[in-house]
């Protein structure tokens, strides 16, 4: 009862506290966390534009160049839960700053890379830094802002920064690569991450008393990280190497065995990496499931848009970045609308609204996915879909943090972000396989038409897949 009274008291005084020095202090903390999310999002797209020049200078083959992207994806996906739990045990602020420093060091190594293997190592370390940064940022936000309207508002700003970063990454990558070479897309991360780490040292409140380090579940950390890393490797490599290849099958079996071992360790451990009781939180489990579905459907749209713009409409890298500006603004506006809807209507109604809008918009995108289509034909679908995506993005993170104790915010953030990463890998692998099924033997205009047909199919399947998200949304508790 005392915790409920404290929450009530906090909500009654929130209107007064917005004018206090502490509120201004939290405002600057939110700005730093949003900036960190911006950095994380920028790095997702900024490297793509530089890949051709990077591969040529360092001597990558066409087959090995994909590892510049895959190394980051695999290690980021594998270390997310570990990064979230580390934030709980060692301190969210401490892990946040350490992640930024690690990210900056890896980016510097990437800019200085003199061979393919050094670049792949740098990208793997960047992935580990990102895996520490994302859940630490999210759990810090959930600690600094109490559950309710203030947290919803903070998550909306944080989500808007992430959405903006995707477009800024594409634009910045094109501009920097053209002006200063591919190295500059790594050096800019050194500057951004260094500024964020220094500002965090000065502004973000120190960590509260952390758990004793002796309670760290090392066997659980090793087994889950190994299992998740191998799973993401399978999902990334499967489409290219073939699902029946020896390496993919071995990694798939090892991943399954490690997941089973991890589950047994968690049941028996006195201080588990992922406490089993946390899965009794209905909002968290539903939020994780929606996050998985979101990234397997909405999260695959940028990939197919890029293929459509560049391979079908023959846009340059810079033109492709410009084409993403309007939909990214729509997503950013949707995150702000999602915060308002969540505060007024609750999580369930917010997510249902966002998914319905997103399904309608995504189903309209194929109208402009033809060889002779203009950008204006695809724009309405992109805008409507973007607004829906933004609403769902804010709502699903609110759901994943609702009812979670402060001591478990890091692991909850890690769990949700792990499903985000794996959902994206599975969704992309599935949709790419379907979209590319008719490309064999095609050339010239017929190849362009086949690519457009595959993209339209992917958009329709993504829209249909969101129906599963609507079903899961009904498992969320109603607004109190």
Protein backbone atom coordinates (compact mmCIF):
# COMPACT_ATOMS: atom_id res chain seq x y z
CA UNK A 1 0.00 0.00 0.00
CA UNK A 2 2.84 2.37 0.77
CA UNK A 3 4.22 2.10 -2.77
CA UNK A 4 0.79 2.90 -4.19
CA UNK A 5 0.50 5.93 -1.90
CA UNK A 6 3.93 7.10 -3.00
CA UNK A 7 2.94 6.77 -6.65
CA UNK A 8 -0.25 8.69 -6.02
CA UNK A 9 1.63 11.38 -4.20
CA UNK A 10 4.11 11.57 -7.07
CA UNK A 11 1.32 12.01 -9.58
CA UNK A 12 -0.35 14.71 -7.47
CA UNK A 13 2.84 16.72 -7.28
CA UNK A 14 3.97 16.22 -10.86
CA UNK A 15 2.43 19.50 -12.00
CA UNK A 16 4.35 21.37 -9.34
CA UNK A 17 7.65 19.55 -9.81
CA UNK A 18 7.85 20.55 -13.48
CA UNK A 19 9.11 23.97 -12.42
CA UNK A 20 11.69 22.83 -9.90
CA UNK A 21 15.46 22.68 -10.50
CA UNK A 22 15.24 18.86 -10.24
CA UNK A 23 12.83 18.80 -13.18
CA UNK A 24 15.20 20.92 -15.25
CA UNK A 25 17.99 18.53 -14.26
CA UNK A 26 15.88 15.60 -15.49
CA UNK A 27 15.16 17.51 -18.67
CA UNK A 28 18.85 17.66 -19.50
CA UNK A 29 19.20 13.97 -18.62
CA UNK A 30 16.39 13.16 -21.04
CA UNK A 31 18.15 15.21 -23.73
CA UNK A 32 21.31 13.11 -23.26
CA UNK A 33 19.38 9.82 -23.36
CA UNK A 34 17.54 10.94 -26.50
CA UNK A 35 20.87 11.95 -28.06
CA UNK A 36 22.31 8.52 -27.23
CA UNK A 37 19.32 6.88 -28.93
CA UNK A 38 19.93 9.18 -31.90
CA UNK A 39 23.54 7.94 -32.08
CA UNK A 40 22.39 4.32 -31.91
CA UNK A 41 19.87 4.87 -34.73
CA UNK A 42 22.26 6.88 -36.91
CA UNK A 43 24.77 4.04 -36.87
CA UNK A 44 22.17 1.59 -38.21
CA UNK A 45 22.01 3.36 -41.59
CA UNK A 46 25.13 5.50 -41.83
CA UNK A 47 27.40 2.57 -42.73
CA UNK A 48 25.16 1.25 -45.53
CA UNK A 49 25.85 4.22 -47.79
CA UNK A 50 29.62 3.86 -47.34
CA UNK A 51 29.76 0.10 -48.00
CA UNK A 52 30.71 0.16 -51.71
CA UNK A 53 33.65 2.56 -51.22
CA UNK A 54 34.68 0.84 -47.97
CA UNK A 55 34.68 -2.59 -49.61
CA UNK A 56 36.75 -1.38 -52.56
CA UNK A 57 39.42 0.34 -50.43
CA UNK A 58 39.86 -2.50 -47.92
CA UNK A 59 39.70 -5.32 -50.45
CA UNK A 60 36.44 -7.00 -49.40
CA UNK A 61 34.96 -9.52 -51.80
CA UNK A 62 31.27 -9.28 -52.69
CA UNK A 63 30.56 -12.23 -50.42
CA UNK A 64 32.57 -10.97 -47.43
CA UNK A 65 31.34 -7.35 -47.53
CA UNK A 66 28.07 -8.36 -45.88
CA UNK A 67 30.06 -9.09 -42.69
CA UNK A 68 30.54 -5.37 -42.14
CA UNK A 69 26.80 -5.35 -41.39
CA UNK A 70 26.42 -8.91 -40.09
CA UNK A 71 29.18 -8.65 -37.45
CA UNK A 72 27.37 -5.71 -35.85
CA UNK A 73 23.95 -7.37 -36.04
CA UNK A 74 25.10 -10.71 -34.62
CA UNK A 75 27.01 -9.34 -31.63
CA UNK A 76 24.46 -6.65 -30.84
CA UNK A 77 21.65 -9.21 -30.84
CA UNK A 78 23.63 -11.67 -28.74
CA UNK A 79 24.68 -9.28 -25.98
CA UNK A 80 21.47 -7.28 -25.41
CA UNK A 81 20.19 -9.26 -22.41
CA UNK A 82 23.66 -9.28 -20.86
CA UNK A 83 23.88 -5.51 -21.35
CA UNK A 84 20.52 -5.00 -19.67
CA UNK A 85 21.40 -7.17 -16.67
CA UNK A 86 24.77 -5.46 -16.33
CA UNK A 87 22.91 -2.16 -16.00
CA UNK A 88 20.93 -3.58 -13.07
CA UNK A 89 23.96 -5.01 -11.30
CA UNK A 90 26.74 -2.53 -12.00
CA UNK A 91 24.64 0.65 -12.31
CA UNK A 92 22.69 2.05 -15.23
CA UNK A 93 24.66 5.30 -15.48
CA UNK A 94 27.97 3.46 -15.22
CA UNK A 95 27.05 0.98 -17.96
CA UNK A 96 25.58 3.77 -20.11
CA UNK A 97 28.81 5.77 -20.04
CA UNK A 98 30.97 2.65 -20.48
CA UNK A 99 28.89 1.65 -23.53
CA UNK A 100 29.37 5.07 -25.12
CA UNK A 101 33.13 4.88 -24.55
CA UNK A 102 33.31 1.35 -25.98
CA UNK A 103 31.22 2.48 -28.96
CA UNK A 104 33.56 5.42 -29.55
CA UNK A 105 36.69 3.24 -29.35
CA UNK A 106 35.22 0.69 -31.78
CA UNK A 107 34.23 3.49 -34.17
CA UNK A 108 37.77 4.89 -34.06
CA UNK A 109 39.15 1.43 -34.84
CA UNK A 110 36.68 1.17 -37.74
CA UNK A 111 37.85 4.48 -39.19
CA UNK A 112 41.49 3.42 -38.88
CA UNK A 113 40.88 -0.13 -40.21
CA UNK A 114 43.52 -1.27 -42.70
CA UNK A 115 42.16 -4.71 -43.56
CA UNK A 116 38.84 -6.56 -43.75
CA UNK A 117 39.46 -8.52 -40.53
CA UNK A 118 40.15 -5.33 -38.53
CA UNK A 119 36.95 -3.77 -39.86
CA UNK A 120 34.91 -6.85 -38.93
CA UNK A 121 36.43 -6.87 -35.41
CA UNK A 122 35.63 -3.16 -35.05
CA UNK A 123 32.04 -3.73 -36.11
CA UNK A 124 31.67 -6.66 -33.69
CA UNK A 125 32.90 -4.45 -30.81
CA UNK A 126 30.53 -1.72 -31.98
CA UNK A 127 27.73 -4.27 -31.77
CA UNK A 128 28.64 -5.11 -28.16
CA UNK A 129 28.72 -1.39 -27.37
CA UNK A 130 25.28 -0.97 -28.94
CA UNK A 131 23.99 -3.98 -26.98
CA UNK A 132 25.10 -2.31 -23.75
CA UNK A 133 23.89 1.14 -24.78
CA UNK A 134 20.30 0.41 -25.85
CA UNK A 135 19.00 -1.30 -22.67
CA UNK A 136 21.05 1.00 -20.40
CA UNK A 137 19.48 4.04 -22.08
CA UNK A 138 15.98 2.61 -21.80
CA UNK A 139 16.35 1.44 -18.20
CA UNK A 140 17.84 4.81 -17.17
CA UNK A 141 14.84 6.54 -18.68
CA UNK A 142 12.48 4.21 -16.84
CA UNK A 143 14.33 4.86 -13.56
CA UNK A 144 14.44 8.64 -13.84
CA UNK A 145 10.80 9.06 -14.89
CA UNK A 146 8.06 7.43 -12.85
CA UNK A 147 5.47 5.21 -14.52
CA UNK A 148 2.64 7.23 -16.00
CA UNK A 149 2.36 10.45 -18.04
CA UNK A 150 5.92 11.66 -17.38
CA UNK A 151 7.49 8.37 -18.49
CA UNK A 152 5.15 8.23 -21.49
CA UNK A 153 6.27 11.72 -22.50
CA UNK A 154 9.93 10.81 -22.05
CA UNK A 155 9.52 7.62 -24.10
CA UNK A 156 7.85 9.64 -26.84
CA UNK A 157 10.82 12.03 -27.04
CA UNK A 158 13.28 9.11 -26.89
CA UNK A 159 11.41 7.28 -29.64
CA UNK A 160 11.22 10.40 -31.80
CA UNK A 161 14.99 10.79 -31.57
CA UNK A 162 15.44 7.17 -32.66
CA UNK A 163 13.13 7.61 -35.64
CA UNK A 164 14.94 10.78 -36.70
CA UNK A 165 18.30 9.03 -36.44
CA UNK A 166 17.41 6.54 -39.18
CA UNK A 167 16.95 9.33 -41.74
CA UNK A 168 19.84 11.40 -40.44
CA UNK A 169 22.05 8.31 -40.74
CA UNK A 170 21.23 7.84 -44.42
CA UNK A 171 21.69 11.54 -45.22
CA UNK A 172 24.81 11.96 -43.11
CA UNK A 173 26.33 8.79 -44.55
CA UNK A 174 25.86 10.06 -48.10
CA UNK A 175 27.18 13.54 -47.36
CA UNK A 176 30.23 12.41 -45.36
CA UNK A 177 31.18 9.62 -47.76
CA UNK A 178 31.00 11.95 -50.77
CA UNK A 179 32.94 14.75 -49.03
CA UNK A 180 35.49 12.98 -46.82
CA UNK A 181 35.47 9.27 -47.66
CA UNK A 182 34.06 6.21 -45.90
CA UNK A 183 36.28 6.67 -42.82
CA UNK A 184 34.30 9.74 -41.81
CA UNK A 185 31.13 7.72 -41.09
CA UNK A 186 33.06 6.06 -38.25
CA UNK A 187 34.89 9.15 -37.00
CA UNK A 188 31.64 11.07 -36.56
CA UNK A 189 30.50 8.40 -34.08
CA UNK A 190 33.65 9.03 -32.03
CA UNK A 191 32.67 12.69 -31.73
CA UNK A 192 29.01 12.04 -30.95
CA UNK A 193 29.63 9.26 -28.40
CA UNK A 194 32.43 11.20 -26.72
CA UNK A 195 30.22 14.28 -26.25
CA UNK A 196 27.36 12.15 -24.89
CA UNK A 197 29.63 10.32 -22.42
CA UNK A 198 31.14 13.57 -21.11
CA UNK A 199 27.70 15.18 -20.74
CA UNK A 200 26.38 12.10 -18.93
CA UNK A 201 29.22 12.30 -16.40
CA UNK A 202 28.21 15.86 -15.57
CA UNK A 203 24.42 15.67 -15.66
CA UNK A 204 22.85 12.22 -15.28
CA UNK A 205 22.24 11.38 -11.59
CA UNK A 206 24.55 8.83 -10.02
CA UNK A 207 23.39 5.26 -9.75
CA UNK A 208 21.42 4.15 -6.76
CA UNK A 209 22.88 1.39 -4.62
CA UNK A 210 23.48 -1.57 -6.94
CA UNK A 211 23.30 -5.24 -6.17
CA UNK A 212 26.43 -6.96 -5.06
CA UNK A 213 28.58 -7.95 -8.02
CA UNK A 214 29.06 -11.42 -6.50
CA UNK A 215 25.46 -12.20 -7.47
CA UNK A 216 26.22 -12.01 -11.20
CA UNK A 217 24.97 -15.12 -13.01
CA UNK A 218 28.03 -15.90 -15.15
CA UNK A 219 26.82 -19.34 -16.42
CA UNK A 220 23.49 -17.82 -17.42
CA UNK A 221 25.21 -14.89 -19.12
CA UNK A 222 27.51 -17.15 -21.11
CA UNK A 223 24.83 -19.59 -22.22
CA UNK A 224 22.26 -16.96 -23.22
CA UNK A 225 24.80 -14.75 -24.99
CA UNK A 226 26.13 -17.77 -26.88
CA UNK A 227 22.64 -18.99 -27.75
CA UNK A 228 21.39 -15.59 -28.91
CA UNK A 229 24.57 -14.84 -30.89
CA UNK A 230 24.37 -18.20 -32.70
CA UNK A 231 20.65 -17.73 -33.38
CA UNK A 232 21.18 -14.31 -34.94
CA UNK A 233 24.08 -15.75 -36.95
CA UNK A 234 21.77 -18.47 -38.30
CA UNK A 235 19.11 -15.92 -39.23
CA UNK A 236 21.61 -13.61 -40.92
CA UNK A 237 23.59 -16.31 -42.76
CA UNK A 238 20.77 -18.73 -43.55
CA UNK A 239 19.40 -16.93 -46.63
CA UNK A 240 22.87 -16.55 -48.18
CA UNK A 241 24.59 -19.80 -47.21
CA UNK A 242 21.47 -21.92 -47.45
CA UNK A 243 19.40 -23.23 -44.56
CA UNK A 244 20.74 -26.73 -45.16
CA UNK A 245 24.42 -25.77 -45.05
CA UNK A 246 26.58 -27.52 -42.45
CA UNK A 247 27.58 -24.34 -40.60
CA UNK A 248 23.98 -23.10 -40.33
CA UNK A 249 22.68 -26.46 -39.07
CA UNK A 250 25.48 -26.82 -36.49
CA UNK A 251 24.92 -23.29 -35.17
CA UNK A 252 21.16 -23.87 -35.06
CA UNK A 253 21.55 -27.04 -32.98
CA UNK A 254 24.11 -25.42 -30.65
CA UNK A 255 21.83 -22.40 -30.19
CA UNK A 256 18.91 -24.65 -29.25
CA UNK A 257 21.01 -26.63 -26.76
CA UNK A 258 22.37 -23.47 -25.17
CA UNK A 259 18.86 -22.02 -24.79
CA UNK A 260 17.76 -25.22 -23.03
CA UNK A 261 20.81 -25.06 -20.76
CA UNK A 262 20.11 -21.39 -20.03
CA UNK A 263 16.52 -22.16 -19.01
CA UNK A 264 17.71 -24.88 -16.60
CA UNK A 265 20.30 -22.54 -15.08
CA UNK A 266 17.68 -19.83 -14.53
CA UNK A 267 15.36 -22.24 -12.73
CA UNK A 268 18.10 -23.44 -10.37
CA UNK A 269 20.11 -20.24 -9.88
CA UNK A 270 19.77 -18.18 -6.69
CA UNK A 271 20.54 -14.99 -8.64
CA UNK A 272 19.46 -15.69 -12.24
CA UNK A 273 20.35 -13.47 -15.17
CA UNK A 274 16.66 -13.42 -16.14
CA UNK A 275 14.55 -14.08 -13.04
CA UNK A 276 11.70 -16.47 -14.00
CA UNK A 277 9.21 -14.48 -11.89
CA UNK A 278 9.57 -11.50 -14.23
CA UNK A 279 7.70 -13.49 -16.89
CA UNK A 280 4.59 -13.28 -14.69
CA UNK A 281 4.35 -9.62 -15.69
CA UNK A 282 1.64 -9.71 -18.35
CA UNK A 283 2.45 -6.26 -19.74
CA UNK A 284 6.12 -7.13 -20.17
CA UNK A 285 5.44 -10.44 -21.94
CA UNK A 286 2.82 -8.88 -24.22
CA UNK A 287 5.13 -5.92 -24.87
CA UNK A 288 7.99 -8.27 -25.82
CA UNK A 289 5.72 -10.24 -28.16
CA UNK A 290 4.44 -7.08 -29.82
CA UNK A 291 8.04 -5.85 -30.16
CA UNK A 292 8.94 -9.12 -31.91
CA UNK A 293 5.99 -8.81 -34.31
CA UNK A 294 6.62 -5.09 -34.87
CA UNK A 295 10.21 -5.66 -36.00
CA UNK A 296 9.30 -8.69 -38.10
CA UNK A 297 6.77 -6.61 -40.05
CA UNK A 298 7.15 -2.82 -39.71
CA UNK A 299 10.88 -3.23 -39.07
CA UNK A 300 11.41 -4.85 -42.47
CA UNK A 301 9.81 -1.99 -44.42
CA UNK A 302 12.96 0.23 -44.64
CA UNK A 303 14.95 -2.61 -46.23
CA UNK A 304 12.42 -3.15 -49.01
CA UNK A 305 11.97 0.58 -49.51
CA UNK A 306 15.73 0.91 -50.00
CA UNK A 307 15.71 -1.94 -52.54
CA UNK A 308 12.70 -0.38 -54.29
CA UNK A 309 14.20 3.11 -54.46
CA UNK A 310 17.69 2.06 -55.56
CA UNK A 311 17.16 -1.09 -57.66
CA UNK A 312 13.76 -0.30 -59.20
CA UNK A 313 13.49 3.49 -59.29
CA UNK A 314 17.27 3.88 -59.74
CA UNK A 315 17.73 6.47 -56.97
CA UNK A 316 21.24 7.37 -55.85
CA UNK A 317 22.26 6.86 -52.22
CA UNK A 318 21.64 10.54 -51.47
CA UNK A 319 18.26 10.51 -53.25
CA UNK A 320 17.29 7.44 -51.24
CA UNK A 321 18.16 9.25 -48.02
CA UNK A 322 16.06 12.22 -49.12
CA UNK A 323 13.15 9.89 -49.96
CA UNK A 324 13.14 8.70 -46.34
CA UNK A 325 12.77 12.20 -44.85
CA UNK A 326 8.97 12.46 -45.04
CA UNK A 327 8.20 8.94 -43.73
CA UNK A 328 10.72 9.40 -40.94
CA UNK A 329 9.05 12.65 -39.92
CA UNK A 330 5.74 10.76 -39.94
CA UNK A 331 7.21 8.12 -37.61
CA UNK A 332 8.61 10.82 -35.30
CA UNK A 333 5.22 12.56 -35.14
CA UNK A 334 3.60 9.18 -34.46
CA UNK A 335 5.83 8.64 -31.42
CA UNK A 336 4.60 11.93 -29.94
CA UNK A 337 0.98 11.05 -30.71
CA UNK A 338 1.54 7.64 -29.13
CA UNK A 339 2.64 9.26 -25.87
CA UNK A 340 -0.53 11.36 -25.72
CA UNK A 341 -2.79 8.44 -26.58
CA UNK A 342 -1.12 6.19 -23.99
CA UNK A 343 -1.68 8.78 -21.27
CA UNK A 344 -5.33 9.36 -22.19
CA UNK A 345 -6.51 5.98 -23.45
CA UNK A 346 -4.07 3.42 -22.03
CA UNK A 347 -1.66 0.99 -23.67
CA UNK A 348 -4.20 -1.36 -25.24
CA UNK A 349 -6.18 1.31 -27.09
CA UNK A 350 -2.96 3.08 -28.13
CA UNK A 351 -1.43 -0.05 -29.63
CA UNK A 352 -4.67 -1.04 -31.36
CA UNK A 353 -4.97 2.44 -32.89
CA UNK A 354 -1.36 2.42 -34.07
CA UNK A 355 -1.57 -1.06 -35.58
CA UNK A 356 -4.78 -0.35 -37.47
CA UNK A 357 -3.34 2.88 -38.89
CA UNK A 358 -0.09 1.07 -39.71
CA UNK A 359 -1.87 -1.79 -41.49
CA UNK A 360 -3.86 0.62 -43.66
CA UNK A 361 -0.77 2.65 -44.56
CA UNK A 362 1.42 -0.38 -45.26
CA UNK A 363 -1.27 -1.87 -47.51
CA UNK A 364 -1.24 1.39 -49.52
CA UNK A 365 2.54 1.41 -50.08
CA UNK A 366 2.40 -1.15 -52.97
CA UNK A 367 0.42 1.37 -55.05
CA UNK A 368 3.75 3.12 -55.70
CA UNK A 369 5.88 -0.03 -55.92
CA UNK A 370 6.00 -0.41 -59.69
CA UNK A 371 8.81 0.23 -62.17
CA UNK A 372 7.10 3.31 -63.62
CA UNK A 373 5.64 4.61 -60.32
CA UNK A 374 6.46 8.07 -59.06
CA UNK A 375 7.42 8.97 -55.50
CA UNK A 376 4.11 10.80 -55.05
CA UNK A 377 2.18 7.53 -55.50
CA UNK A 378 4.01 5.81 -52.64
CA UNK A 379 4.08 8.83 -50.32
CA UNK A 380 0.54 8.60 -48.83
CA UNK A 381 1.11 5.01 -47.76
CA UNK A 382 4.51 5.88 -46.27
CA UNK A 383 3.06 8.74 -44.24
CA UNK A 384 0.07 6.80 -42.89
CA UNK A 385 2.20 3.73 -42.16
CA UNK A 386 4.83 5.92 -40.50
CA UNK A 387 2.33 7.49 -38.11
CA UNK A 388 1.08 4.03 -37.14
CA UNK A 389 4.62 2.77 -36.63
CA UNK A 390 5.45 5.70 -34.36
CA UNK A 391 2.37 5.14 -32.21
CA UNK A 392 3.12 1.43 -31.81
CA UNK A 393 6.83 2.13 -31.12
CA UNK A 394 6.03 4.33 -28.12
CA UNK A 395 3.21 2.09 -26.90
CA UNK A 396 5.20 -1.15 -26.95
CA UNK A 397 8.04 0.28 -24.83
CA UNK A 398 5.53 1.66 -22.34
CA UNK A 399 3.99 -1.81 -22.14
CA UNK A 400 7.38 -3.48 -21.66
CA UNK A 401 8.27 -1.21 -18.72
CA UNK A 402 4.89 -1.18 -16.95
CA UNK A 403 4.83 -2.88 -13.56
CA UNK A 404 8.56 -3.72 -13.62
CA UNK A 405 10.50 -3.11 -10.40
CA UNK A 406 13.37 -0.63 -10.59
CA UNK A 407 15.89 -3.38 -9.83
CA UNK A 408 14.67 -5.32 -12.88
CA UNK A 409 14.35 -2.45 -15.40
CA UNK A 410 17.67 -3.28 -17.04
CA UNK A 411 16.93 -6.95 -17.64
CA UNK A 412 13.38 -6.10 -18.79
CA UNK A 413 14.82 -3.62 -21.29
CA UNK A 414 17.34 -6.23 -22.39
CA UNK A 415 14.63 -8.84 -22.86
CA UNK A 416 12.45 -6.50 -24.92
CA UNK A 417 15.35 -5.27 -27.06
CA UNK A 418 16.49 -8.87 -27.65
CA UNK A 419 13.07 -9.77 -29.05
CA UNK A 420 13.29 -6.60 -31.15
CA UNK A 421 16.59 -7.68 -32.70
CA UNK A 422 15.64 -11.33 -33.23
CA UNK A 423 12.19 -10.38 -34.56
CA UNK A 424 13.81 -8.14 -37.15
CA UNK A 425 16.24 -10.88 -38.21
CA UNK A 426 13.49 -13.50 -38.54
CA UNK A 427 11.08 -11.15 -40.31
CA UNK A 428 13.72 -10.00 -42.79
CA UNK A 429 14.90 -13.54 -43.52
CA UNK A 430 11.32 -14.70 -44.15
CA UNK A 431 10.27 -11.73 -46.28
CA UNK A 432 13.51 -11.61 -48.29
CA UNK A 433 13.16 -15.31 -49.12
CA UNK A 434 9.63 -14.74 -50.44
CA UNK A 435 10.45 -11.48 -52.24
CA UNK A 436 13.50 -12.96 -53.98
CA UNK A 437 11.90 -16.27 -54.96
CA UNK A 438 11.15 -15.06 -58.50
CA UNK A 439 14.45 -13.28 -59.24
CA UNK A 440 16.48 -16.24 -60.52
CA UNK A 441 17.40 -15.86 -64.18
CA UNK A 442 15.90 -12.37 -64.52
CA UNK A 443 17.88 -9.51 -66.09
CA UNK A 444 17.34 -5.92 -67.18
CA UNK A 445 13.80 -4.57 -67.05
CA UNK A 446 12.36 -7.97 -66.20
CA UNK A 447 14.62 -8.06 -63.13
CA UNK A 448 13.42 -4.61 -62.07
CA UNK A 449 9.80 -5.71 -62.47
CA UNK A 450 10.47 -8.88 -60.45
CA UNK A 451 12.12 -6.89 -57.66
CA UNK A 452 9.12 -4.55 -57.58
CA UNK A 453 6.74 -7.52 -57.43
CA UNK A 454 8.71 -9.04 -54.55
CA UNK A 455 8.66 -5.74 -52.66
CA UNK A 456 4.88 -5.45 -53.08
CA UNK A 457 4.45 -8.98 -51.75
CA UNK A 458 6.64 -8.17 -48.74
CA UNK A 459 4.59 -5.05 -47.95
CA UNK A 460 1.30 -6.98 -48.13
CA UNK A 461 2.63 -9.77 -45.88
CA UNK A 462 3.96 -7.21 -43.40
CA UNK A 463 0.53 -5.58 -43.22
CA UNK A 464 -1.15 -8.96 -42.72
CA UNK A 465 1.36 -9.93 -40.03
CA UNK A 466 0.30 -6.98 -37.90
CA UNK A 467 -3.03 -8.75 -37.34
CA UNK A 468 -1.11 -11.03 -34.94
CA UNK A 469 -0.04 -7.93 -33.07
CA UNK A 470 -3.67 -6.84 -32.72
CA UNK A 471 -4.53 -10.24 -31.22
CA UNK A 472 -1.65 -10.04 -28.70
CA UNK A 473 -2.71 -6.52 -27.72
CA UNK A 474 -5.91 -7.89 -26.19
CA UNK A 475 -3.79 -9.72 -23.59
CA UNK A 476 -2.66 -6.39 -22.17
CA UNK A 477 -4.43 -5.24 -18.99
CA UNK A 478 -7.06 -2.59 -19.43
CA UNK A 479 -6.32 0.98 -18.37
CA UNK A 480 -6.79 1.40 -14.61
